[in-house]
Structures are given as C-alpha cells and as structure tokens.
Amino acid sequence: MTVALTPVQKELSLAMTCCKYMKELTDNAGRAGISAVVKSEMGTTFFCLQSRATDSDAEEGVVSLLNSARMSLGSLPWTKGQVALVAQRGFKFCPGCGTDLTLWIKCNVDQINELAAQSKSFVR
C-alpha cells in the first residue's frame, strides 16, 4: 500500500536531510543496495555511505546459509575467507548536492539525532 504525502509532509520529510538524493539514501538504511546512515563514535557524529548485499532482516539467514555451505563444501578455494555483506565508509560531503555535512550536522542537531536513532541498528 502506497501512502501519498501532502506537500507539507514532503517538505518536512525533506527537511531531515540536505537534499532529495540524501533523503533517498537515508530512507534506504537497512535495505540491500546503497544507503546513508548516521554514526556516532568517540563524541563525533558523521554520515556513512553503506552498501548492503541483502536487507538487514535477512542478513542472519544469509550468514547461516554461507556457513552451512562452507562446512559442507570443505576447503574449496572460494569458500575460504570472509564474505562482506555490509561495507561502509564515512563521507563529509553530500553526493547529491555537495553540502558540507559536518556543518549541516552542527546546524541541524535535532534532525541528526532523529536520523541517528533511525539508523542505529544498521550502523557497523
């Protein structure tokens, strides 16, 4: 079921981020593909670009399946090592509009706190 947002709701939703592209990235947190999550570490809050091979709710099942395959296939070359289901890297500028996110975070404390709460379970 798709819910249509009123113009005011759309404007408030976009106010959580610097641009439409960043809004799409933050909305995709926890889903397969590319997303943006907010991470707090050692007193610093910043955005991370995250790539997921699978949705977060399916991650445990995929890990279990890979481990089972590894055990049953033995020591085949491609079964050695780790498989990364999630990769992330901090970034300072919005890939959509070029906003300096360090400044944006300082000026939008309430929004960043809400985004951090929304993405907390997806951050690595």
PDB file of N, CA and C in Angstrom:
ATOM      1  N   MET A   1       0.840  -1.175   0.000  1.00  0.00           N
ATOM      2  CA  MET A   1       0.000   0.000   0.000  1.00  0.00           C
ATOM      3  C   MET A   1       0.889   1.243   0.000  1.00  0.00           C
ATOM      4  N   THR A   2       0.688   2.134  -0.925  1.00  0.00           N
ATOM      5  CA  THR A   2       1.445   3.372  -1.017  1.00  0.00           C
ATOM      6  C   THR A   2       0.638   4.502  -0.391  1.00  0.00           C
ATOM      7  N   VAL A   3       1.285   5.257   0.453  1.00  0.00           N
ATOM      8  CA  VAL A   3       0.628   6.398   1.103  1.00  0.00           C
ATOM      9  C   VAL A   3       1.165   7.670   0.471  1.00  0.00           C
ATOM     10  N   ALA A   4       0.279   8.485  -0.054  1.00  0.00           N
ATOM     11  CA  ALA A   4       0.688   9.748  -0.664  1.00  0.00           C
ATOM     12  C   ALA A   4       0.910  10.788   0.427  1.00  0.00           C
ATOM     13  N   LEU A   5       2.020  11.492   0.329  1.00  0.00           N
ATOM     14  CA  LEU A   5       2.317  12.555   1.281  1.00  0.00           C
ATOM     15  C   LEU A   5       1.749  13.873   0.786  1.00  0.00           C
ATOM     16  N   THR A   6       1.250  14.669   1.719  1.00  0.00           N
ATOM     17  CA  THR A   6       0.795  16.005   1.349  1.00  0.00           C
ATOM     18  C   THR A   6       2.035  16.855   1.087  1.00  0.00           C
ATOM     19  N   PRO A   7       1.905  18.001   0.413  1.00  0.00           N
ATOM     20  CA  PRO A   7       3.065  18.872   0.185  1.00  0.00           C
ATOM     21  C   PRO A   7       3.775  19.264   1.480  1.00  0.00           C
ATOM     22  N   VAL A   8       3.033  19.496   2.557  1.00  0.00           N
ATOM     23  CA  VAL A   8       3.649  19.864   3.836  1.00  0.00           C
ATOM     24  C   VAL A   8       4.443  18.683   4.391  1.00  0.00           C
ATOM     25  N   GLN A   9       3.888  17.466   4.312  1.00  0.00           N
ATOM     26  CA  GLN A   9       4.605  16.281   4.785  1.00  0.00           C
ATOM     27  C   GLN A   9       5.879  16.062   3.982  1.00  0.00           C
ATOM     28  N   LYS A  10       5.819  16.258   2.669  1.00  0.00           N
ATOM     29  CA  LYS A  10       7.002  16.112   1.832  1.00  0.00           C
ATOM     30  C   LYS A  10       8.082  17.105   2.239  1.00  0.00           C
ATOM     31  N   GLU A  11       7.669  18.345   2.496  1.00  0.00           N
ATOM     32  CA  GLU A  11       8.617  19.389   2.888  1.00  0.00           C
ATOM     33  C   GLU A  11       9.256  19.062   4.235  1.00  0.00           C
ATOM     34  N   LEU A  12       8.473  18.574   5.192  1.00  0.00           N
ATOM     35  CA  LEU A  12       9.013  18.199   6.497  1.00  0.00           C
ATOM     36  C   LEU A  12       9.942  17.005   6.376  1.00  0.00           C
ATOM     37  N   SER A  13       9.574  16.057   5.530  1.00  0.00           N
ATOM     38  CA  SER A  13      10.398  14.879   5.319  1.00  0.00           C
ATOM     39  C   SER A  13      11.744  15.260   4.711  1.00  0.00           C
ATOM     40  N   LEU A  14      11.749  16.135   3.744  1.00  0.00           N
ATOM     41  CA  LEU A  14      12.982  16.592   3.117  1.00  0.00           C
ATOM     42  C   LEU A  14      13.827  17.423   4.071  1.00  0.00           C
ATOM     43  N   ALA A  15      13.179  18.086   5.039  1.00  0.00           N
ATOM     44  CA  ALA A  15      13.914  18.920   5.988  1.00  0.00           C
ATOM     45  C   ALA A  15      14.851  18.091   6.859  1.00  0.00           C
ATOM     46  N   MET A  16      14.662  16.765   6.895  1.00  0.00           N
ATOM     47  CA  MET A  16      15.532  15.893   7.684  1.00  0.00           C
ATOM     48  C   MET A  16      16.914  15.762   7.050  1.00  0.00           C
ATOM     49  N   THR A  17      17.042  16.101   5.787  1.00  0.00           N
ATOM     50  CA  THR A  17      18.314  15.978   5.079  1.00  0.00           C
ATOM     51  C   THR A  17      18.556  17.226   4.240  1.00  0.00           C
ATOM     52  N   CYS A  18      19.722  17.293   3.615  1.00  0.00           N
ATOM     53  CA  CYS A  18      20.078  18.489   2.843  1.00  0.00           C
ATOM     54  C   CYS A  18      19.434  18.529   1.451  1.00  0.00           C
ATOM     55  N   CYS A  19      19.086  17.358   0.896  1.00  0.00           N
ATOM     56  CA  CYS A  19      18.502  17.328  -0.452  1.00  0.00           C
ATOM     57  C   CYS A  19      17.717  16.030  -0.672  1.00  0.00           C
ATOM     58  N   LYS A  20      17.033  15.962  -1.792  1.00  0.00           N
ATOM     59  CA  LYS A  20      16.213  14.795  -2.114  1.00  0.00           C
ATOM     60  C   LYS A  20      17.071  13.527  -2.234  1.00  0.00           C
ATOM     61  N   TYR A  21      18.239  13.637  -2.835  1.00  0.00           N
ATOM     62  CA  TYR A  21      19.106  12.475  -3.015  1.00  0.00           C
ATOM     63  C   TYR A  21      19.527  11.910  -1.654  1.00  0.00           C
ATOM     64  N   MET A  22      19.921  12.782  -0.731  1.00  0.00           N
ATOM     65  CA  MET A  22      20.329  12.335   0.598  1.00  0.00           C
ATOM     66  C   MET A  22      19.145  11.731   1.340  1.00  0.00           C
ATOM     67  N   LYS A  23      17.962  12.271   1.137  1.00  0.00           N
ATOM     68  CA  LYS A  23      16.750  11.720   1.739  1.00  0.00           C
ATOM     69  C   LYS A  23      16.533  10.292   1.257  1.00  0.00           C
ATOM     70  N   GLU A  24      16.720  10.045  -0.030  1.00  0.00           N
ATOM     71  CA  GLU A  24      16.574   8.693  -0.574  1.00  0.00           C
ATOM     72  C   GLU A  24      17.603   7.748   0.025  1.00  0.00           C
ATOM     73  N   LEU A  25      18.841   8.245   0.207  1.00  0.00           N
ATOM     74  CA  LEU A  25      19.887   7.417   0.805  1.00  0.00           C
ATOM     75  C   LEU A  25      19.550   7.064   2.257  1.00  0.00           C
ATOM     76  N   THR A  26      19.100   8.036   3.043  1.00  0.00           N
ATOM     77  CA  THR A  26      18.778   7.753   4.448  1.00  0.00           C
ATOM     78  C   THR A  26      17.534   6.876   4.557  1.00  0.00           C
ATOM     79  N   ASP A  27      16.590   7.030   3.644  1.00  0.00           N
ATOM     80  CA  ASP A  27      15.395   6.186   3.653  1.00  0.00           C
ATOM     81  C   ASP A  27      15.731   4.727   3.336  1.00  0.00           C
ATOM     82  N   ASN A  28      16.829   4.495   2.640  1.00  0.00           N
ATOM     83  CA  ASN A  28      17.203   3.140   2.232  1.00  0.00           C
ATOM     84  C   ASN A  28      18.019   2.399   3.302  1.00  0.00           C
ATOM     85  N   ALA A  29      18.267   3.019   4.437  1.00  0.00           N
ATOM     86  CA  ALA A  29      19.058   2.389   5.503  1.00  0.00           C
ATOM     87  C   ALA A  29      18.475   1.027   5.870  1.00  0.00           C
ATOM     88  N   GLY A  30      19.343   0.027   5.932  1.00  0.00           N
ATOM     89  CA  GLY A  30      18.929  -1.327   6.292  1.00  0.00           C
ATOM     90  C   GLY A  30      18.461  -2.172   5.134  1.00  0.00           C
ATOM     91  N   ARG A  31      18.352  -1.587   3.950  1.00  0.00           N
ATOM     92  CA  ARG A  31      17.918  -2.334   2.764  1.00  0.00           C
ATOM     93  C   ARG A  31      19.111  -2.645   1.865  1.00  0.00           C
ATOM     94  N   ALA A  32      18.965  -3.668   1.047  1.00  0.00           N
ATOM     95  CA  ALA A  32      20.018  -4.016   0.098  1.00  0.00           C
ATOM     96  C   ALA A  32      20.288  -2.840  -0.826  1.00  0.00           C
ATOM     97  N   GLY A  33      21.552  -2.632  -1.150  1.00  0.00           N
ATOM     98  CA  GLY A  33      21.944  -1.535  -2.024  1.00  0.00           C
ATOM     99  C   GLY A  33      22.719  -0.481  -1.263  1.00  0.00           C
ATOM    100  N   ILE A  34      22.664   0.739  -1.756  1.00  0.00           N
ATOM    101  CA  ILE A  34      23.411   1.849  -1.181  1.00  0.00           C
ATOM    102  C   ILE A  34      22.496   2.679  -0.273  1.00  0.00           C
ATOM    103  N   SER A  35      23.023   3.083   0.877  1.00  0.00           N
ATOM    104  CA  SER A  35      22.259   3.933   1.792  1.00  0.00           C
ATOM    105  C   SER A  35      23.209   4.838   2.559  1.00  0.00           C
ATOM    106  N   ALA A  36      22.638   5.758   3.315  1.00  0.00           N
ATOM    107  CA  ALA A  36      23.407   6.614   4.220  1.00  0.00           C
ATOM    108  C   ALA A  36      22.882   6.383   5.624  1.00  0.00           C
ATOM    109  N   VAL A  37      23.807   6.183   6.567  1.00  0.00           N
ATOM    110  CA  VAL A  37      23.457   6.013   7.971  1.00  0.00           C
ATOM    111  C   VAL A  37      24.248   7.027   8.786  1.00  0.00           C
ATOM    112  N   VAL A  38      23.782   7.309   9.979  1.00  0.00           N
ATOM    113  CA  VAL A  38      24.464   8.247  10.866  1.00  0.00           C
ATOM    114  C   VAL A  38      25.154   7.448  11.962  1.00  0.00           C
ATOM    115  N   LYS A  39      26.436   7.743  12.174  1.00  0.00           N
ATOM    116  CA  LYS A  39      27.228   7.034  13.175  1.00  0.00           C
ATOM    117  C   LYS A  39      27.806   8.031  14.168  1.00  0.00           C
ATOM    118  N   SER A  40      27.767   7.666  15.435  1.00  0.00           N
ATOM    119  CA  SER A  40      28.408   8.461  16.485  1.00  0.00           C
ATOM    120  C   SER A  40      29.517   7.611  17.079  1.00  0.00           C
ATOM    121  N   GLU A  41      30.703   8.191  17.132  1.00  0.00           N
ATOM    122  CA  GLU A  41      31.867   7.457  17.615  1.00  0.00           C
ATOM    123  C   GLU A  41      32.838   8.434  18.261  1.00  0.00           C
ATOM    124  N   MET A  42      33.237   8.157  19.479  1.00  0.00           N
ATOM    125  CA  MET A  42      34.187   8.988  20.218  1.00  0.00           C
ATOM    126  C   MET A  42      33.784  10.458  20.234  1.00  0.00           C
ATOM    127  N   GLY A  43      32.487  10.718  20.456  1.00  0.00           N
ATOM    128  CA  GLY A  43      32.000  12.083  20.557  1.00  0.00           C
ATOM    129  C   GLY A  43      31.801  12.795  19.235  1.00  0.00           C
ATOM    130  N   THR A  44      31.982  12.103  18.125  1.00  0.00           N
ATOM    131  CA  THR A  44      31.806  12.706  16.803  1.00  0.00           C
ATOM    132  C   THR A  44      30.643  12.017  16.093  1.00  0.00           C
ATOM    133  N   THR A  45      29.804  12.802  15.459  1.00  0.00           N
ATOM    134  CA  THR A  45      28.686  12.269  14.686  1.00  0.00           C
ATOM    135  C   THR A  45      28.938  12.564  13.222  1.00  0.00           C
ATOM    136  N   PHE A  46      28.744  11.542  12.370  1.00  0.00           N
ATOM    137  CA  PHE A  46      29.013  11.711  10.946  1.00  0.00           C
ATOM    138  C   PHE A  46      28.172  10.742  10.125  1.00  0.00           C
ATOM    139  N   PHE A  47      28.089  11.026   8.837  1.00  0.00           N
ATOM    140  CA  PHE A  47      27.370  10.158   7.912  1.00  0.00           C
ATOM    141  C   PHE A  47      28.305   9.095   7.355  1.00  0.00           C
ATOM    142  N   CYS A  48      27.750   7.906   7.128  1.00  0.00           N
ATOM    143  CA  CYS A  48      28.472   6.825   6.457  1.00  0.00           C
ATOM    144  C   CYS A  48      27.661   6.391   5.246  1.00  0.00           C
ATOM    145  N   LEU A  49      28.353   6.195   4.154  1.00  0.00           N
ATOM    146  CA  LEU A  49      27.750   5.587   2.978  1.00  0.00           C
ATOM    147  C   LEU A  49      27.857   4.087   3.195  1.00  0.00           C
ATOM    148  N   GLN A  50      26.748   3.400   3.101  1.00  0.00           N
ATOM    149  CA  GLN A  50      26.725   1.969   3.401  1.00  0.00           C
ATOM    150  C   GLN A  50      26.222   1.191   2.196  1.00  0.00           C
ATOM    151  N   SER A  51      26.853   0.055   1.954  1.00  0.00           N
ATOM    152  CA  SER A  51      26.444  -0.845   0.889  1.00  0.00           C
ATOM    153  C   SER A  51      26.085  -2.182   1.510  1.00  0.00           C
ATOM    154  N   ARG A  52      24.912  -2.693   1.201  1.00  0.00           N
ATOM    155  CA  ARG A  52      24.450  -3.976   1.743  1.00  0.00           C
ATOM    156  C   ARG A  52      24.157  -4.954   0.619  1.00  0.00           C
ATOM    157  N   ALA A  53      24.605  -6.186   0.819  1.00  0.00           N
ATOM    158  CA  ALA A  53      24.319  -7.250  -0.155  1.00  0.00           C
ATOM    159  C   ALA A  53      22.882  -7.748  -0.004  1.00  0.00           C
ATOM    160  N   THR A  54      22.324  -7.573   1.190  1.00  0.00           N
ATOM    161  CA  THR A  54      20.980  -8.064   1.479  1.00  0.00           C
ATOM    162  C   THR A  54      20.309  -7.136   2.493  1.00  0.00           C
ATOM    163  N   ASP A  55      19.009  -7.206   2.595  1.00  0.00           N
ATOM    164  CA  ASP A  55      18.308  -6.443   3.620  1.00  0.00           C
ATOM    165  C   ASP A  55      18.789  -6.883   4.996  1.00  0.00           C
ATOM    166  N   SER A  56      18.781  -5.976   5.957  1.00  0.00           N
ATOM    167  CA  SER A  56      19.298  -6.289   7.295  1.00  0.00           C
ATOM    168  C   SER A  56      18.532  -7.423   7.961  1.00  0.00           C
ATOM    169  N   ASP A  57      17.215  -7.521   7.723  1.00  0.00           N
ATOM    170  CA  ASP A  57      16.442  -8.580   8.364  1.00  0.00           C
ATOM    171  C   ASP A  57      16.727  -9.964   7.774  1.00  0.00           C
ATOM    172  N   ALA A  58      17.387 -10.038   6.615  1.00  0.00           N
ATOM    173  CA  ALA A  58      17.749 -11.319   6.006  1.00  0.00           C
ATOM    174  C   ALA A  58      19.218 -11.664   6.222  1.00  0.00           C
ATOM    175  N   GLU A  59      19.959 -10.760   6.816  1.00  0.00           N
ATOM    176  CA  GLU A  59      21.414 -10.919   6.963  1.00  0.00           C
ATOM    177  C   GLU A  59      21.794 -12.178   7.751  1.00  0.00           C
ATOM    178  N   GLU A  60      21.131 -12.410   8.857  1.00  0.00           N
ATOM    179  CA  GLU A  60      21.449 -13.567   9.689  1.00  0.00           C
ATOM    180  C   GLU A  60      21.229 -14.873   8.923  1.00  0.00           C
ATOM    181  N   GLY A  61      20.169 -14.950   8.156  1.00  0.00           N
ATOM    182  CA  GLY A  61      19.890 -16.143   7.353  1.00  0.00           C
ATOM    183  C   GLY A  61      20.944 -16.371   6.281  1.00  0.00           C
ATOM    184  N   VAL A  62      21.403 -15.302   5.659  1.00  0.00           N
ATOM    185  CA  VAL A  62      22.439 -15.412   4.627  1.00  0.00           C
ATOM    186  C   VAL A  62      23.747 -15.899   5.249  1.00  0.00           C
ATOM    187  N   VAL A  63      24.102 -15.363   6.411  1.00  0.00           N
ATOM    188  CA  VAL A  63      25.321 -15.788   7.105  1.00  0.00           C
ATOM    189  C   VAL A  63      25.224 -17.271   7.457  1.00  0.00           C
ATOM    190  N   SER A  64      24.087 -17.688   7.953  1.00  0.00           N
ATOM    191  CA  SER A  64      23.875 -19.093   8.302  1.00  0.00           C
ATOM    192  C   SER A  64      23.996 -19.986   7.070  1.00  0.00           C
ATOM    193  N   LEU A  65      23.410 -19.559   5.971  1.00  0.00           N
ATOM    194  CA  LEU A  65      23.481 -20.317   4.717  1.00  0.00           C
ATOM    195  C   LEU A  65      24.920 -20.417   4.220  1.00  0.00           C
ATOM    196  N   LEU A  66      25.659 -19.318   4.270  1.00  0.00           N
ATOM    197  CA  LEU A  66      27.063 -19.332   3.852  1.00  0.00           C
ATOM    198  C   LEU A  66      27.904 -20.250   4.731  1.00  0.00           C
ATOM    199  N   ASN A  67      27.654 -20.213   6.041  1.00  0.00           N
ATOM    200  CA  ASN A  67      28.388 -21.089   6.951  1.00  0.00           C
ATOM    201  C   ASN A  67      28.082 -22.559   6.681  1.00  0.00           C
ATOM    202  N   SER A  68      26.827 -22.876   6.403  1.00  0.00           N
ATOM    203  CA  SER A  68      26.453 -24.259   6.078  1.00  0.00           C
ATOM    204  C   SER A  68      27.126 -24.714   4.796  1.00  0.00           C
ATOM    205  N   ALA A  69      27.132 -23.847   3.791  1.00  0.00           N
ATOM    206  CA  ALA A  69      27.773 -24.186   2.517  1.00  0.00           C
ATOM    207  C   ALA A  69      29.267 -24.394   2.711  1.00  0.00           C
ATOM    208  N   ARG A  70      29.872 -23.552   3.519  1.00  0.00           N
ATOM    209  CA  ARG A  70      31.304 -23.659   3.793  1.00  0.00           C
ATOM    210  C   ARG A  70      31.629 -24.991   4.465  1.00  0.00           C
ATOM    211  N   MET A  71      30.782 -25.411   5.407  1.00  0.00           N
ATOM    212  CA  MET A  71      31.006 -26.666   6.127  1.00  0.00           C
ATOM    213  C   MET A  71      30.809 -27.870   5.214  1.00  0.00           C
ATOM    214  N   SER A  72      29.805 -27.830   4.357  1.00  0.00           N
ATOM    215  CA  SER A  72      29.536 -28.982   3.506  1.00  0.00           C
ATOM    216  C   SER A  72      30.468 -29.056   2.301  1.00  0.00           C
ATOM    217  N   LEU A  73      30.993 -27.932   1.851  1.00  0.00           N
ATOM    218  CA  LEU A  73      31.873 -27.927   0.684  1.00  0.00           C
ATOM    219  C   LEU A  73      33.340 -28.097   1.048  1.00  0.00           C
ATOM    220  N   GLY A  74      33.638 -28.009   2.318  1.00  0.00           N
ATOM    221  CA  GLY A  74      35.019 -28.223   2.750  1.00  0.00           C
ATOM    222  C   GLY A  74      35.936 -27.084   2.376  1.00  0.00           C
ATOM    223  N   SER A  75      37.094 -27.427   1.858  1.00  0.00           N
ATOM    224  CA  SER A  75      38.140 -26.418   1.647  1.00  0.00           C
ATOM    225  C   SER A  75      38.301 -25.998   0.191  1.00  0.00           C
ATOM    226  N   LEU A  76      37.215 -25.812  -0.514  1.00  0.00           N
ATOM    227  CA  LEU A  76      37.309 -25.279  -1.867  1.00  0.00           C
ATOM    228  C   LEU A  76      37.849 -23.854  -1.790  1.00  0.00           C
ATOM    229  N   PRO A  77      38.653 -23.435  -2.750  1.00  0.00           N
ATOM    230  CA  PRO A  77      39.291 -22.107  -2.675  1.00  0.00           C
ATOM    231  C   PRO A  77      38.323 -20.950  -2.456  1.00  0.00           C
ATOM    232  N   TRP A  78      37.163 -20.984  -3.081  1.00  0.00           N
ATOM    233  CA  TRP A  78      36.246 -19.853  -2.960  1.00  0.00           C
ATOM    234  C   TRP A  78      35.489 -19.835  -1.639  1.00  0.00           C
ATOM    235  N   THR A  79      35.619 -20.893  -0.813  1.00  0.00           N
ATOM    236  CA  THR A  79      34.925 -20.900   0.472  1.00  0.00           C
ATOM    237  C   THR A  79      35.807 -20.374   1.597  1.00  0.00           C
ATOM    238  N   LYS A  80      37.069 -20.073   1.310  1.00  0.00           N
ATOM    239  CA  LYS A  80      37.967 -19.552   2.339  1.00  0.00           C
ATOM    240  C   LYS A  80      37.788 -18.039   2.477  1.00  0.00           C
ATOM    241  N   GLY A  81      38.067 -17.530   3.670  1.00  0.00           N
ATOM    242  CA  GLY A  81      37.974 -16.092   3.890  1.00  0.00           C
ATOM    243  C   GLY A  81      36.578 -15.657   4.277  1.00  0.00           C
ATOM    244  N   GLN A  82      36.409 -14.379   4.377  1.00  0.00           N
ATOM    245  CA  GLN A  82      35.154 -13.787   4.817  1.00  0.00           C
ATOM    246  C   GLN A  82      34.398 -13.188   3.629  1.00  0.00           C
ATOM    247  N   VAL A  83      33.098 -13.189   3.735  1.00  0.00           N
ATOM    248  CA  VAL A  83      32.245 -12.539   2.749  1.00  0.00           C
ATOM    249  C   VAL A  83      31.644 -11.314   3.428  1.00  0.00           C
ATOM    250  N   ALA A  84      31.827 -10.154   2.839  1.00  0.00           N
ATOM    251  CA  ALA A  84      31.290  -8.917   3.420  1.00  0.00           C
ATOM    252  C   ALA A  84      29.867  -8.686   2.911  1.00  0.00           C
ATOM    253  N   LEU A  85      28.923  -8.742   3.825  1.00  0.00           N
ATOM    254  CA  LEU A  85      27.538  -8.454   3.464  1.00  0.00           C
ATOM    255  C   LEU A  85      27.227  -6.974   3.605  1.00  0.00           C
ATOM    256  N   VAL A  86      28.043  -6.285   4.417  1.00  0.00           N
ATOM    257  CA  VAL A  86      27.868  -4.850   4.642  1.00  0.00           C
ATOM    258  C   VAL A  86      29.232  -4.177   4.610  1.00  0.00           C
ATOM    259  N   ALA A  87      29.316  -3.078   3.885  1.00  0.00           N
ATOM    260  CA  ALA A  87      30.527  -2.251   3.878  1.00  0.00           C
ATOM    261  C   ALA A  87      30.090  -0.806   4.063  1.00  0.00           C
ATOM    262  N   GLN A  88      30.862  -0.050   4.819  1.00  0.00           N
ATOM    263  CA  GLN A  88      30.516   1.364   4.993  1.00  0.00           C
ATOM    264  C   GLN A  88      31.767   2.209   5.137  1.00  0.00           C
ATOM    265  N   ARG A  89      31.618   3.467   4.747  1.00  0.00           N
ATOM    266  CA  ARG A  89      32.722   4.427   4.785  1.00  0.00           C
ATOM    267  C   ARG A  89      32.149   5.792   5.085  1.00  0.00           C
ATOM    268  N   GLY A  90      32.770   6.496   6.014  1.00  0.00           N
ATOM    269  CA  GLY A  90      32.326   7.845   6.336  1.00  0.00           C
ATOM    270  C   GLY A  90      32.513   8.781   5.151  1.00  0.00           C
ATOM    271  N   PHE A  91      31.657   9.782   5.056  1.00  0.00           N
ATOM    272  CA  PHE A  91      31.817  10.786   3.999  1.00  0.00           C
ATOM    273  C   PHE A  91      31.441  12.157   4.531  1.00  0.00           C
ATOM    274  N   LYS A  92      32.088  13.174   3.987  1.00  0.00           N
ATOM    275  CA  LYS A  92      31.958  14.537   4.513  1.00  0.00           C
ATOM    276  C   LYS A  92      31.038  15.424   3.687  1.00  0.00           C
ATOM    277  N   PHE A  93      30.912  15.146   2.394  1.00  0.00           N
ATOM    278  CA  PHE A  93      30.094  15.984   1.517  1.00  0.00           C
ATOM    279  C   PHE A  93      28.971  15.163   0.913  1.00  0.00           C
ATOM    280  N   CYS A  94      27.796  15.761   0.795  1.00  0.00           N
ATOM    281  CA  CYS A  94      26.648  15.084   0.203  1.00  0.00           C
ATOM    282  C   CYS A  94      26.942  14.743  -1.254  1.00  0.00           C
ATOM    283  N   PRO A  95      26.748  13.482  -1.647  1.00  0.00           N
ATOM    284  CA  PRO A  95      26.994  13.110  -3.039  1.00  0.00           C
ATOM    285  C   PRO A  95      25.957  13.681  -4.004  1.00  0.00           C
ATOM    286  N   GLY A  96      24.840  14.183  -3.472  1.00  0.00           N
ATOM    287  CA  GLY A  96      23.796  14.734  -4.320  1.00  0.00           C
ATOM    288  C   GLY A  96      23.919  16.221  -4.579  1.00  0.00           C
ATOM    289  N   CYS A  97      24.193  16.992  -3.518  1.00  0.00           N
ATOM    290  CA  CYS A  97      24.202  18.453  -3.673  1.00  0.00           C
ATOM    291  C   CYS A  97      25.516  19.107  -3.245  1.00  0.00           C
ATOM    292  N   GLY A  98      26.433  18.337  -2.669  1.00  0.00           N
ATOM    293  CA  GLY A  98      27.732  18.871  -2.285  1.00  0.00           C
ATOM    294  C   GLY A  98      27.779  19.573  -0.938  1.00  0.00           C
ATOM    295  N   THR A  99      26.682  19.549  -0.184  1.00  0.00           N
ATOM    296  CA  THR A  99      26.656  20.187   1.129  1.00  0.00           C
ATOM    297  C   THR A  99      27.755  19.613   2.027  1.00  0.00           C
ATOM    298  N   ASP A 100      28.429  20.484   2.770  1.00  0.00           N
ATOM    299  CA  ASP A 100      29.405  20.045   3.771  1.00  0.00           C
ATOM    300  C   ASP A 100      28.599  19.474   4.939  1.00  0.00           C
ATOM    301  N   LEU A 101      28.629  18.163   5.097  1.00  0.00           N
ATOM    302  CA  LEU A 101      27.791  17.505   6.090  1.00  0.00           C
ATOM    303  C   LEU A 101      28.242  17.770   7.520  1.00  0.00           C
ATOM    304  N   THR A 102      29.517  18.084   7.718  1.00  0.00           N
ATOM    305  CA  THR A 102      29.992  18.437   9.055  1.00  0.00           C
ATOM    306  C   THR A 102      29.278  19.697   9.535  1.00  0.00           C
ATOM    307  N   LEU A 103      29.158  20.683   8.659  1.00  0.00           N
ATOM    308  CA  LEU A 103      28.440  21.919   9.002  1.00  0.00           C
ATOM    309  C   LEU A 103      26.943  21.659   9.138  1.00  0.00           C
ATOM    310  N   TRP A 104      26.401  20.847   8.239  1.00  0.00           N
ATOM    311  CA  TRP A 104      24.971  20.535   8.271  1.00  0.00           C
ATOM    312  C   TRP A 104      24.612  19.877   9.597  1.00  0.00           C
ATOM    313  N   ILE A 105      25.456  18.951  10.063  1.00  0.00           N
ATOM    314  CA  ILE A 105      25.220  18.262  11.332  1.00  0.00           C
ATOM    315  C   ILE A 105      25.208  19.258  12.486  1.00  0.00           C
ATOM    316  N   LYS A 106      26.162  20.192  12.492  1.00  0.00           N
ATOM    317  CA  LYS A 106      26.246  21.193  13.568  1.00  0.00           C
ATOM    318  C   LYS A 106      25.021  22.100  13.597  1.00  0.00           C
ATOM    319  N   CYS A 107      24.450  22.389  12.434  1.00  0.00           N
ATOM    320  CA  CYS A 107      23.317  23.310  12.340  1.00  0.00           C
ATOM    321  C   CYS A 107      21.967  22.609  12.462  1.00  0.00           C
ATOM    322  N   ASN A 108      21.954  21.289  12.451  1.00  0.00           N
ATOM    323  CA  ASN A 108      20.691  20.538  12.445  1.00  0.00           C
ATOM    324  C   ASN A 108      20.730  19.407  13.471  1.00  0.00           C
ATOM    325  N   VAL A 109      20.971  19.767  14.712  1.00  0.00           N
ATOM    326  CA  VAL A 109      21.155  18.779  15.783  1.00  0.00           C
ATOM    327  C   VAL A 109      19.927  17.888  15.962  1.00  0.00           C
ATOM    328  N   ASP A 110      18.741  18.466  15.964  1.00  0.00           N
ATOM    329  CA  ASP A 110      17.527  17.670  16.153  1.00  0.00           C
ATOM    330  C   ASP A 110      17.358  16.650  15.029  1.00  0.00           C
ATOM    331  N   GLN A 111      17.566  17.093  13.785  1.00  0.00           N
ATOM    332  CA  GLN A 111      17.427  16.191  12.645  1.00  0.00           C
ATOM    333  C   GLN A 111      18.463  15.068  12.690  1.00  0.00           C
ATOM    334  N   ILE A 112      19.702  15.417  13.031  1.00  0.00           N
ATOM    335  CA  ILE A 112      20.756  14.402  13.045  1.00  0.00           C
ATOM    336  C   ILE A 112      20.499  13.388  14.165  1.00  0.00           C
ATOM    337  N   ASN A 113      19.977  13.852  15.300  1.00  0.00           N
ATOM    338  CA  ASN A 113      19.651  12.925  16.385  1.00  0.00           C
ATOM    339  C   ASN A 113      18.546  11.958  15.971  1.00  0.00           C
ATOM    340  N   GLU A 114      17.564  12.463  15.243  1.00  0.00           N
ATOM    341  CA  GLU A 114      16.481  11.597  14.767  1.00  0.00           C
ATOM    342  C   GLU A 114      16.997  10.607  13.717  1.00  0.00           C
ATOM    343  N   LEU A 115      17.829  11.086  12.798  1.00  0.00           N
ATOM    344  CA  LEU A 115      18.411  10.187  11.798  1.00  0.00           C
ATOM    345  C   LEU A 115      19.306   9.133  12.454  1.00  0.00           C
ATOM    346  N   ALA A 116      20.052   9.530  13.477  1.00  0.00           N
ATOM    347  CA  ALA A 116      20.919   8.584  14.193  1.00  0.00           C
ATOM    348  C   ALA A 116      20.078   7.506  14.872  1.00  0.00           C
ATOM    349  N   ALA A 117      18.972   7.901  15.468  1.00  0.00           N
ATOM    350  CA  ALA A 117      18.086   6.929  16.121  1.00  0.00           C
ATOM    351  C   ALA A 117      17.488   5.972  15.104  1.00  0.00           C
ATOM    352  N   GLN A 118      17.117   6.488  13.915  1.00  0.00           N
ATOM    353  CA  GLN A 118      16.521   5.646  12.883  1.00  0.00           C
ATOM    354  C   GLN A 118      17.519   4.646  12.316  1.00  0.00           C
ATOM    355  N   SER A 119      18.782   5.007  12.238  1.00  0.00           N
ATOM    356  CA  SER A 119      19.756   4.137  11.588  1.00  0.00           C
ATOM    357  C   SER A 119      20.646   3.372  12.566  1.00  0.00           C
ATOM    358  N   LYS A 120      20.399   3.530  13.862  1.00  0.00           N
ATOM    359  CA  LYS A 120      21.270   2.941  14.885  1.00  0.00           C
ATOM    360  C   LYS A 120      21.481   1.436  14.703  1.00  0.00           C
ATOM    361  N   SER A 121      20.443   0.695  14.422  1.00  0.00           N
ATOM    362  CA  SER A 121      20.588  -0.764  14.313  1.00  0.00           C
ATOM    363  C   SER A 121      21.278  -1.208  13.031  1.00  0.00           C
ATOM    364  N   PHE A 122      21.486  -0.309  12.087  1.00  0.00           N
ATOM    365  CA  PHE A 122      22.118  -0.677  10.817  1.00  0.00           C
ATOM    366  C   PHE A 122      23.595  -0.296  10.741  1.00  0.00           C
ATOM    367  N   VAL A 123      24.062   0.510  11.686  1.00  0.00           N
ATOM    368  CA  VAL A 123      25.438   1.021  11.655  1.00  0.00           C
ATOM    369  C   VAL A 123      26.415  -0.067  12.066  1.00  0.00           C
ATOM    370  N   ARG A 124      27.542  -0.116  11.402  1.00  0.00           N
ATOM    371  CA  ARG A 124      28.617  -1.065  11.744  1.00  0.00           C
ATOM    372  C   ARG A 124      29.743  -0.338  12.409  1.00  0.00           C
TER     373      ARG A 124
END
